[in-house]
Amino acid sequence: MRVAIASDHAAVALKATLVAWLREGGHDVLDLGPDSDARVDYPDFGFKLSAAIADGQAERGIALCGSGIGISIAVNRNPAVRCALVSEPLSAALAREHNDANAIAMGARLIGEDMAKACITAFLDTAFAGGRHAPRVDKLGAPAFQKEPV
């Protein structure tokens, strides 16, 4: 599977570890940077990640920053991408199964290396259930912003 990964400076060390681990696992990894821990702005790298997924350069994405919150917000600005902030394998699996998430975000200051790997494994190994979840996921790509629920 082709996986894109991006971070900010706070998560560059975790990103490097995960890139190597994913490649060892046979995945084709698109590392979108950064390459050092020099200060960068997480939205820039979140936007790169979402563009790579939306353009078909990668099937799935992994976004990392200090907390995972900021970069997940940036990634989710693209309506073709559904990025879930996860902290353990169950949330990663449910993000795929129920929400057809094509990206996950994690906080390097909050999650350890082993837990990050467990989340990624669950994320990559879980299929979207479809069925009753599909119409809801379809709405995520084309929000109506109505006052009343449909």
N, C-alpha and C. Protein backbone atom coordinates (compact mmCIF):
# COMPACT_ATOMS: atom_id res chain seq x y z
N MET A 1 0.84 -1.18 0.00
CA MET A 1 0.00 0.00 0.00
C MET A 1 0.89 1.24 0.00
N ARG A 2 0.46 2.27 -0.73
CA ARG A 2 1.21 3.53 -0.76
C ARG A 2 0.68 4.42 0.36
N VAL A 3 1.56 4.78 1.28
CA VAL A 3 1.20 5.56 2.46
C VAL A 3 2.00 6.85 2.44
N ALA A 4 1.30 7.98 2.56
CA ALA A 4 1.96 9.27 2.70
C ALA A 4 2.06 9.61 4.18
N ILE A 5 3.16 10.25 4.56
CA ILE A 5 3.35 10.63 5.95
C ILE A 5 3.98 12.01 6.00
N ALA A 6 3.50 12.82 6.94
CA ALA A 6 4.01 14.18 7.11
C ALA A 6 3.93 14.54 8.59
N SER A 7 4.77 15.48 8.98
CA SER A 7 4.79 15.90 10.37
C SER A 7 5.16 17.38 10.47
N ASP A 8 5.26 17.84 11.69
CA ASP A 8 5.91 19.12 11.94
C ASP A 8 7.21 18.81 12.66
N HIS A 9 7.89 19.85 13.14
CA HIS A 9 9.19 19.66 13.79
C HIS A 9 9.09 18.83 15.08
N ALA A 10 7.97 18.92 15.78
CA ALA A 10 7.81 18.21 17.05
C ALA A 10 7.72 16.70 16.86
N ALA A 11 7.40 16.26 15.65
CA ALA A 11 7.19 14.83 15.41
C ALA A 11 8.15 14.24 14.39
N VAL A 12 9.18 14.99 14.01
CA VAL A 12 10.07 14.52 12.95
C VAL A 12 10.81 13.23 13.36
N ALA A 13 11.18 13.09 14.61
CA ALA A 13 11.87 11.87 15.05
C ALA A 13 10.93 10.66 14.98
N LEU A 14 9.70 10.82 15.45
CA LEU A 14 8.73 9.72 15.37
C LEU A 14 8.46 9.39 13.90
N LYS A 15 8.33 10.40 13.07
CA LYS A 15 8.09 10.16 11.64
C LYS A 15 9.19 9.32 11.03
N ALA A 16 10.43 9.65 11.33
CA ALA A 16 11.57 8.90 10.77
C ALA A 16 11.50 7.43 11.18
N THR A 17 11.17 7.18 12.43
CA THR A 17 11.04 5.81 12.92
C THR A 17 9.92 5.08 12.19
N LEU A 18 8.79 5.75 12.03
CA LEU A 18 7.64 5.12 11.38
C LEU A 18 7.86 4.89 9.89
N VAL A 19 8.55 5.82 9.23
CA VAL A 19 8.87 5.63 7.81
C VAL A 19 9.70 4.36 7.63
N ALA A 20 10.74 4.20 8.44
CA ALA A 20 11.59 3.01 8.33
C ALA A 20 10.79 1.75 8.62
N TRP A 21 9.97 1.78 9.64
CA TRP A 21 9.15 0.62 10.03
C TRP A 21 8.15 0.26 8.92
N LEU A 22 7.50 1.27 8.34
CA LEU A 22 6.54 1.00 7.26
C LEU A 22 7.25 0.40 6.04
N ARG A 23 8.39 0.92 5.71
CA ARG A 23 9.14 0.38 4.56
C ARG A 23 9.59 -1.04 4.82
N GLU A 24 10.03 -1.33 6.03
CA GLU A 24 10.40 -2.70 6.40
C GLU A 24 9.21 -3.63 6.26
N GLY A 25 8.01 -3.09 6.48
CA GLY A 25 6.78 -3.88 6.38
C GLY A 25 6.28 -4.02 4.95
N GLY A 26 7.02 -3.48 3.99
CA GLY A 26 6.67 -3.65 2.59
C GLY A 26 5.81 -2.55 1.99
N HIS A 27 5.59 -1.48 2.73
CA HIS A 27 4.77 -0.38 2.21
C HIS A 27 5.62 0.59 1.40
N ASP A 28 5.02 1.16 0.40
CA ASP A 28 5.63 2.23 -0.39
C ASP A 28 5.30 3.52 0.35
N VAL A 29 6.30 4.23 0.85
CA VAL A 29 6.07 5.40 1.70
C VAL A 29 6.47 6.67 0.98
N LEU A 30 5.55 7.61 0.96
CA LEU A 30 5.79 8.95 0.43
C LEU A 30 6.02 9.87 1.62
N ASP A 31 7.28 10.18 1.90
CA ASP A 31 7.64 11.03 3.04
C ASP A 31 7.59 12.48 2.58
N LEU A 32 6.63 13.22 3.10
CA LEU A 32 6.39 14.60 2.69
C LEU A 32 7.10 15.62 3.57
N GLY A 33 7.92 15.14 4.48
CA GLY A 33 8.72 16.04 5.30
C GLY A 33 8.06 16.38 6.61
N PRO A 34 8.80 17.19 7.36
CA PRO A 34 10.10 17.81 7.08
C PRO A 34 11.24 16.82 7.33
N ASP A 35 12.43 17.25 6.98
CA ASP A 35 13.60 16.39 7.12
C ASP A 35 14.47 16.71 8.34
N SER A 36 14.11 17.77 9.07
CA SER A 36 14.87 18.13 10.27
C SER A 36 13.91 18.65 11.33
N ASP A 37 14.43 18.88 12.52
CA ASP A 37 13.58 19.39 13.59
C ASP A 37 13.58 20.92 13.66
N ALA A 38 14.01 21.57 12.59
CA ALA A 38 13.91 23.03 12.52
C ALA A 38 12.42 23.41 12.49
N ARG A 39 12.08 24.48 13.16
CA ARG A 39 10.69 24.89 13.29
C ARG A 39 10.00 25.05 11.93
N VAL A 40 8.82 24.43 11.82
CA VAL A 40 7.97 24.54 10.63
C VAL A 40 6.53 24.73 11.10
N ASP A 41 5.66 25.05 10.17
CA ASP A 41 4.24 25.22 10.48
C ASP A 41 3.46 23.98 10.08
N TYR A 42 2.79 23.35 11.05
CA TYR A 42 2.07 22.10 10.77
C TYR A 42 1.02 22.22 9.68
N PRO A 43 0.34 23.38 9.49
CA PRO A 43 -0.64 23.41 8.39
C PRO A 43 -0.01 23.14 7.03
N ASP A 44 1.20 23.64 6.81
CA ASP A 44 1.85 23.43 5.51
C ASP A 44 2.01 21.95 5.20
N PHE A 45 2.38 21.17 6.20
CA PHE A 45 2.60 19.74 6.00
C PHE A 45 1.29 18.96 6.01
N GLY A 46 0.31 19.43 6.77
CA GLY A 46 -1.01 18.83 6.71
C GLY A 46 -1.65 19.01 5.35
N PHE A 47 -1.48 20.20 4.76
CA PHE A 47 -2.01 20.46 3.42
C PHE A 47 -1.32 19.59 2.38
N LYS A 48 0.00 19.39 2.51
CA LYS A 48 0.73 18.52 1.59
C LYS A 48 0.18 17.09 1.64
N LEU A 49 -0.06 16.63 2.86
CA LEU A 49 -0.57 15.27 3.04
C LEU A 49 -1.95 15.12 2.43
N SER A 50 -2.83 16.07 2.69
CA SER A 50 -4.18 15.95 2.14
C SER A 50 -4.17 16.03 0.62
N ALA A 51 -3.31 16.84 0.06
CA ALA A 51 -3.21 16.92 -1.41
C ALA A 51 -2.72 15.61 -2.00
N ALA A 52 -1.77 14.96 -1.34
CA ALA A 52 -1.24 13.69 -1.84
C ALA A 52 -2.33 12.62 -1.86
N ILE A 53 -3.20 12.62 -0.87
CA ILE A 53 -4.28 11.64 -0.83
C ILE A 53 -5.34 12.00 -1.87
N ALA A 54 -5.73 13.25 -1.91
CA ALA A 54 -6.77 13.69 -2.84
C ALA A 54 -6.35 13.50 -4.29
N ASP A 55 -5.06 13.67 -4.58
CA ASP A 55 -4.55 13.53 -5.94
C ASP A 55 -4.24 12.09 -6.32
N GLY A 56 -4.40 11.16 -5.39
CA GLY A 56 -4.16 9.75 -5.69
C GLY A 56 -2.70 9.34 -5.60
N GLN A 57 -1.84 10.18 -5.04
CA GLN A 57 -0.44 9.81 -4.87
C GLN A 57 -0.27 8.78 -3.76
N ALA A 58 -1.23 8.71 -2.84
CA ALA A 58 -1.20 7.75 -1.74
C ALA A 58 -2.62 7.30 -1.43
N GLU A 59 -2.72 6.06 -0.96
CA GLU A 59 -4.03 5.51 -0.58
C GLU A 59 -4.42 5.94 0.83
N ARG A 60 -3.43 6.04 1.69
CA ARG A 60 -3.67 6.39 3.09
C ARG A 60 -2.62 7.40 3.53
N GLY A 61 -2.93 8.11 4.64
CA GLY A 61 -2.01 9.10 5.15
C GLY A 61 -1.85 9.03 6.65
N ILE A 62 -0.68 9.45 7.10
CA ILE A 62 -0.37 9.53 8.53
C ILE A 62 0.16 10.93 8.79
N ALA A 63 -0.50 11.64 9.68
CA ALA A 63 -0.15 13.01 10.02
C ALA A 63 0.31 13.07 11.47
N LEU A 64 1.42 13.73 11.71
CA LEU A 64 1.99 13.80 13.06
C LEU A 64 2.36 15.23 13.41
N CYS A 65 2.03 15.62 14.62
CA CYS A 65 2.55 16.87 15.18
C CYS A 65 2.66 16.65 16.68
N GLY A 66 2.90 17.69 17.44
CA GLY A 66 3.08 17.52 18.88
C GLY A 66 1.89 16.85 19.54
N SER A 67 0.70 17.39 19.30
CA SER A 67 -0.52 16.83 19.88
C SER A 67 -1.34 16.01 18.90
N GLY A 68 -1.11 16.21 17.62
CA GLY A 68 -1.92 15.58 16.58
C GLY A 68 -3.15 16.40 16.22
N ILE A 69 -3.50 17.36 17.05
CA ILE A 69 -4.72 18.14 16.84
C ILE A 69 -4.58 19.11 15.67
N GLY A 70 -3.56 19.94 15.72
CA GLY A 70 -3.40 20.96 14.69
C GLY A 70 -3.28 20.39 13.30
N ILE A 71 -2.44 19.38 13.15
CA ILE A 71 -2.24 18.81 11.81
C ILE A 71 -3.49 18.07 11.33
N SER A 72 -4.26 17.49 12.25
CA SER A 72 -5.51 16.82 11.83
C SER A 72 -6.51 17.86 11.32
N ILE A 73 -6.56 19.02 11.93
CA ILE A 73 -7.44 20.08 11.45
C ILE A 73 -7.02 20.51 10.05
N ALA A 74 -5.71 20.68 9.85
CA ALA A 74 -5.20 21.07 8.53
C ALA A 74 -5.53 20.03 7.46
N VAL A 75 -5.31 18.77 7.77
CA VAL A 75 -5.58 17.69 6.80
C VAL A 75 -7.06 17.66 6.44
N ASN A 76 -7.91 17.87 7.42
CA ASN A 76 -9.35 17.79 7.19
C ASN A 76 -9.93 18.98 6.43
N ARG A 77 -9.14 19.95 6.10
CA ARG A 77 -9.63 21.08 5.28
C ARG A 77 -9.94 20.62 3.85
N ASN A 78 -9.37 19.52 3.43
CA ASN A 78 -9.61 19.00 2.08
C ASN A 78 -10.82 18.08 2.15
N PRO A 79 -11.88 18.36 1.40
CA PRO A 79 -13.09 17.53 1.50
C PRO A 79 -12.91 16.10 1.01
N ALA A 80 -11.82 15.80 0.32
CA ALA A 80 -11.57 14.43 -0.15
C ALA A 80 -10.89 13.58 0.91
N VAL A 81 -10.54 14.19 2.03
CA VAL A 81 -9.77 13.48 3.05
C VAL A 81 -10.55 13.46 4.36
N ARG A 82 -10.51 12.30 5.01
CA ARG A 82 -11.14 12.12 6.31
C ARG A 82 -10.05 11.65 7.27
N CYS A 83 -9.57 12.58 8.09
CA CYS A 83 -8.46 12.31 9.00
C CYS A 83 -8.99 12.23 10.43
N ALA A 84 -8.69 11.13 11.09
CA ALA A 84 -9.12 10.91 12.47
C ALA A 84 -7.93 11.00 13.41
N LEU A 85 -8.08 11.77 14.47
CA LEU A 85 -7.08 11.82 15.53
C LEU A 85 -7.25 10.57 16.38
N VAL A 86 -6.20 9.76 16.47
CA VAL A 86 -6.28 8.49 17.21
C VAL A 86 -5.17 8.41 18.26
N SER A 87 -5.44 7.61 19.29
CA SER A 87 -4.44 7.45 20.34
C SER A 87 -4.26 5.99 20.76
N GLU A 88 -5.09 5.13 20.21
CA GLU A 88 -4.97 3.70 20.48
C GLU A 88 -5.60 2.93 19.32
N PRO A 89 -5.31 1.64 19.21
CA PRO A 89 -5.73 0.87 18.04
C PRO A 89 -7.24 0.80 17.79
N LEU A 90 -8.05 0.80 18.84
CA LEU A 90 -9.50 0.70 18.63
C LEU A 90 -10.01 1.93 17.89
N SER A 91 -9.57 3.13 18.27
CA SER A 91 -10.04 4.32 17.57
C SER A 91 -9.54 4.33 16.12
N ALA A 92 -8.35 3.81 15.88
CA ALA A 92 -7.82 3.73 14.51
C ALA A 92 -8.64 2.76 13.67
N ALA A 93 -9.00 1.62 14.25
CA ALA A 93 -9.80 0.63 13.52
C ALA A 93 -11.21 1.15 13.26
N LEU A 94 -11.82 1.79 14.25
CA LEU A 94 -13.17 2.32 14.07
C LEU A 94 -13.21 3.48 13.08
N ALA A 95 -12.13 4.24 13.04
CA ALA A 95 -12.05 5.33 12.05
C ALA A 95 -12.13 4.78 10.64
N ARG A 96 -11.51 3.63 10.40
CA ARG A 96 -11.59 2.98 9.09
C ARG A 96 -12.94 2.31 8.90
N GLU A 97 -13.34 1.49 9.88
CA GLU A 97 -14.54 0.66 9.73
C GLU A 97 -15.82 1.49 9.58
N HIS A 98 -15.97 2.52 10.39
CA HIS A 98 -17.21 3.30 10.40
C HIS A 98 -17.15 4.58 9.58
N ASN A 99 -15.96 5.20 9.50
CA ASN A 99 -15.84 6.53 8.89
C ASN A 99 -15.04 6.54 7.60
N ASP A 100 -14.55 5.39 7.18
CA ASP A 100 -13.73 5.29 5.98
C ASP A 100 -12.60 6.32 5.99
N ALA A 101 -12.00 6.52 7.16
CA ALA A 101 -10.89 7.46 7.28
C ALA A 101 -9.77 7.03 6.33
N ASN A 102 -9.25 7.99 5.58
CA ASN A 102 -8.11 7.69 4.73
C ASN A 102 -6.83 8.30 5.27
N ALA A 103 -6.92 8.89 6.45
CA ALA A 103 -5.74 9.41 7.14
C ALA A 103 -5.98 9.34 8.65
N ILE A 104 -4.89 9.19 9.37
CA ILE A 104 -4.96 9.30 10.82
C ILE A 104 -3.91 10.32 11.27
N ALA A 105 -4.18 10.91 12.41
CA ALA A 105 -3.24 11.84 13.03
C ALA A 105 -2.93 11.35 14.43
N MET A 106 -1.68 11.58 14.84
CA MET A 106 -1.26 11.21 16.18
C MET A 106 -0.35 12.29 16.73
N GLY A 107 -0.32 12.39 18.06
CA GLY A 107 0.52 13.37 18.73
C GLY A 107 1.81 12.75 19.23
N ALA A 108 2.92 13.21 18.70
CA ALA A 108 4.23 12.65 19.08
C ALA A 108 4.55 12.88 20.56
N ARG A 109 4.03 13.94 21.14
CA ARG A 109 4.27 14.23 22.56
C ARG A 109 3.34 13.43 23.47
N LEU A 110 2.38 12.73 22.87
CA LEU A 110 1.36 12.04 23.65
C LEU A 110 1.36 10.53 23.47
N ILE A 111 1.94 10.05 22.39
CA ILE A 111 1.86 8.63 22.05
C ILE A 111 3.28 8.06 21.94
N GLY A 112 3.47 6.89 22.39
CA GLY A 112 4.79 6.26 22.26
C GLY A 112 4.93 5.58 20.91
N GLU A 113 6.15 5.20 20.61
CA GLU A 113 6.47 4.56 19.33
C GLU A 113 5.68 3.26 19.14
N ASP A 114 5.62 2.42 20.16
CA ASP A 114 4.90 1.14 20.04
C ASP A 114 3.41 1.36 19.84
N MET A 115 2.83 2.32 20.56
CA MET A 115 1.40 2.59 20.40
C MET A 115 1.11 3.19 19.02
N ALA A 116 2.01 4.04 18.54
CA ALA A 116 1.85 4.60 17.19
C ALA A 116 1.84 3.47 16.16
N LYS A 117 2.75 2.53 16.29
CA LYS A 117 2.79 1.39 15.36
C LYS A 117 1.52 0.55 15.46
N ALA A 118 1.01 0.35 16.66
CA ALA A 118 -0.22 -0.42 16.84
C ALA A 118 -1.40 0.29 16.19
N CYS A 119 -1.45 1.61 16.32
CA CYS A 119 -2.52 2.39 15.68
C CYS A 119 -2.44 2.29 14.16
N ILE A 120 -1.24 2.40 13.63
CA ILE A 120 -1.05 2.32 12.18
C ILE A 120 -1.42 0.94 11.66
N THR A 121 -1.03 -0.09 12.37
CA THR A 121 -1.39 -1.46 11.97
C THR A 121 -2.90 -1.62 11.91
N ALA A 122 -3.60 -1.17 12.94
CA ALA A 122 -5.06 -1.26 12.96
C ALA A 122 -5.67 -0.46 11.81
N PHE A 123 -5.14 0.73 11.57
CA PHE A 123 -5.62 1.61 10.51
C PHE A 123 -5.44 0.98 9.13
N LEU A 124 -4.28 0.42 8.88
CA LEU A 124 -3.99 -0.15 7.56
C LEU A 124 -4.67 -1.51 7.33
N ASP A 125 -4.93 -2.24 8.41
CA ASP A 125 -5.49 -3.58 8.28
C ASP A 125 -7.02 -3.63 8.32
N THR A 126 -7.67 -2.53 8.62
CA THR A 126 -9.12 -2.53 8.77
C THR A 126 -9.79 -2.00 7.50
N ALA A 127 -10.83 -2.69 7.08
CA ALA A 127 -11.60 -2.28 5.89
C ALA A 127 -12.79 -1.44 6.32
N PHE A 128 -13.26 -0.63 5.41
CA PHE A 128 -14.48 0.14 5.62
C PHE A 128 -15.66 -0.80 5.56
N ALA A 129 -16.56 -0.72 6.53
CA ALA A 129 -17.71 -1.62 6.60
C ALA A 129 -18.78 -1.30 5.57
N GLY A 130 -18.82 -0.07 5.10
CA GLY A 130 -19.85 0.32 4.14
C GLY A 130 -21.23 0.26 4.77
N GLY A 131 -22.20 -0.25 4.02
CA GLY A 131 -23.56 -0.40 4.55
C GLY A 131 -24.13 0.90 5.08
N ARG A 132 -24.65 0.86 6.29
CA ARG A 132 -25.30 2.02 6.88
C ARG A 132 -24.37 3.20 7.08
N HIS A 133 -23.06 2.92 7.06
CA HIS A 133 -22.08 3.99 7.25
C HIS A 133 -21.82 4.79 5.97
N ALA A 134 -22.03 4.18 4.82
CA ALA A 134 -21.68 4.80 3.54
C ALA A 134 -22.40 6.14 3.29
N PRO A 135 -23.71 6.24 3.51
CA PRO A 135 -24.36 7.53 3.25
C PRO A 135 -23.83 8.65 4.16
N ARG A 136 -23.46 8.30 5.37
CA ARG A 136 -22.91 9.29 6.30
C ARG A 136 -21.55 9.77 5.82
N VAL A 137 -20.73 8.83 5.37
CA VAL A 137 -19.41 9.19 4.86
C VAL A 137 -19.54 10.06 3.61
N ASP A 138 -20.51 9.75 2.76
CA ASP A 138 -20.75 10.56 1.57
C ASP A 138 -21.05 12.01 1.94
N LYS A 139 -21.80 12.21 3.01
CA LYS A 139 -22.12 13.56 3.46
C LYS A 139 -20.87 14.32 3.91
N LEU A 140 -19.88 13.63 4.41
CA LEU A 140 -18.66 14.29 4.87
C LEU A 140 -17.92 14.98 3.74
N GLY A 141 -18.02 14.45 2.54
CA GLY A 141 -17.34 15.03 1.38
C GLY A 141 -18.08 16.18 0.74
N ALA A 142 -19.33 16.38 1.13
CA ALA A 142 -20.14 17.45 0.54
C ALA A 142 -21.07 18.03 1.60
N PRO A 143 -20.51 18.72 2.60
CA PRO A 143 -21.34 19.22 3.70
C PRO A 143 -22.39 20.23 3.21
N ALA A 144 -23.58 20.13 3.76
CA ALA A 144 -24.68 21.01 3.37
C ALA A 144 -24.78 22.23 4.28
N PHE A 145 -24.24 22.15 5.48
CA PHE A 145 -24.29 23.25 6.46
C PHE A 145 -25.71 23.78 6.63
N GLN A 146 -26.60 22.88 6.95
CA GLN A 146 -28.00 23.25 7.15
C GLN A 146 -28.27 23.52 8.62
N LYS A 147 -29.32 24.30 8.90
CA LYS A 147 -29.70 24.59 10.28
C LYS A 147 -30.33 23.37 10.93
N GLU A 148 -31.11 22.64 10.16
CA GLU A 148 -31.81 21.47 10.66
C GLU A 148 -31.14 20.20 10.12
N PRO A 149 -31.03 19.14 10.93
CA PRO A 149 -30.50 17.88 10.40
C PRO A 149 -31.41 17.34 9.31
N VAL A 150 -30.83 16.67 8.35
CA VAL A 150 -31.60 16.09 7.25
C VAL A 150 -32.23 14.80 7.69
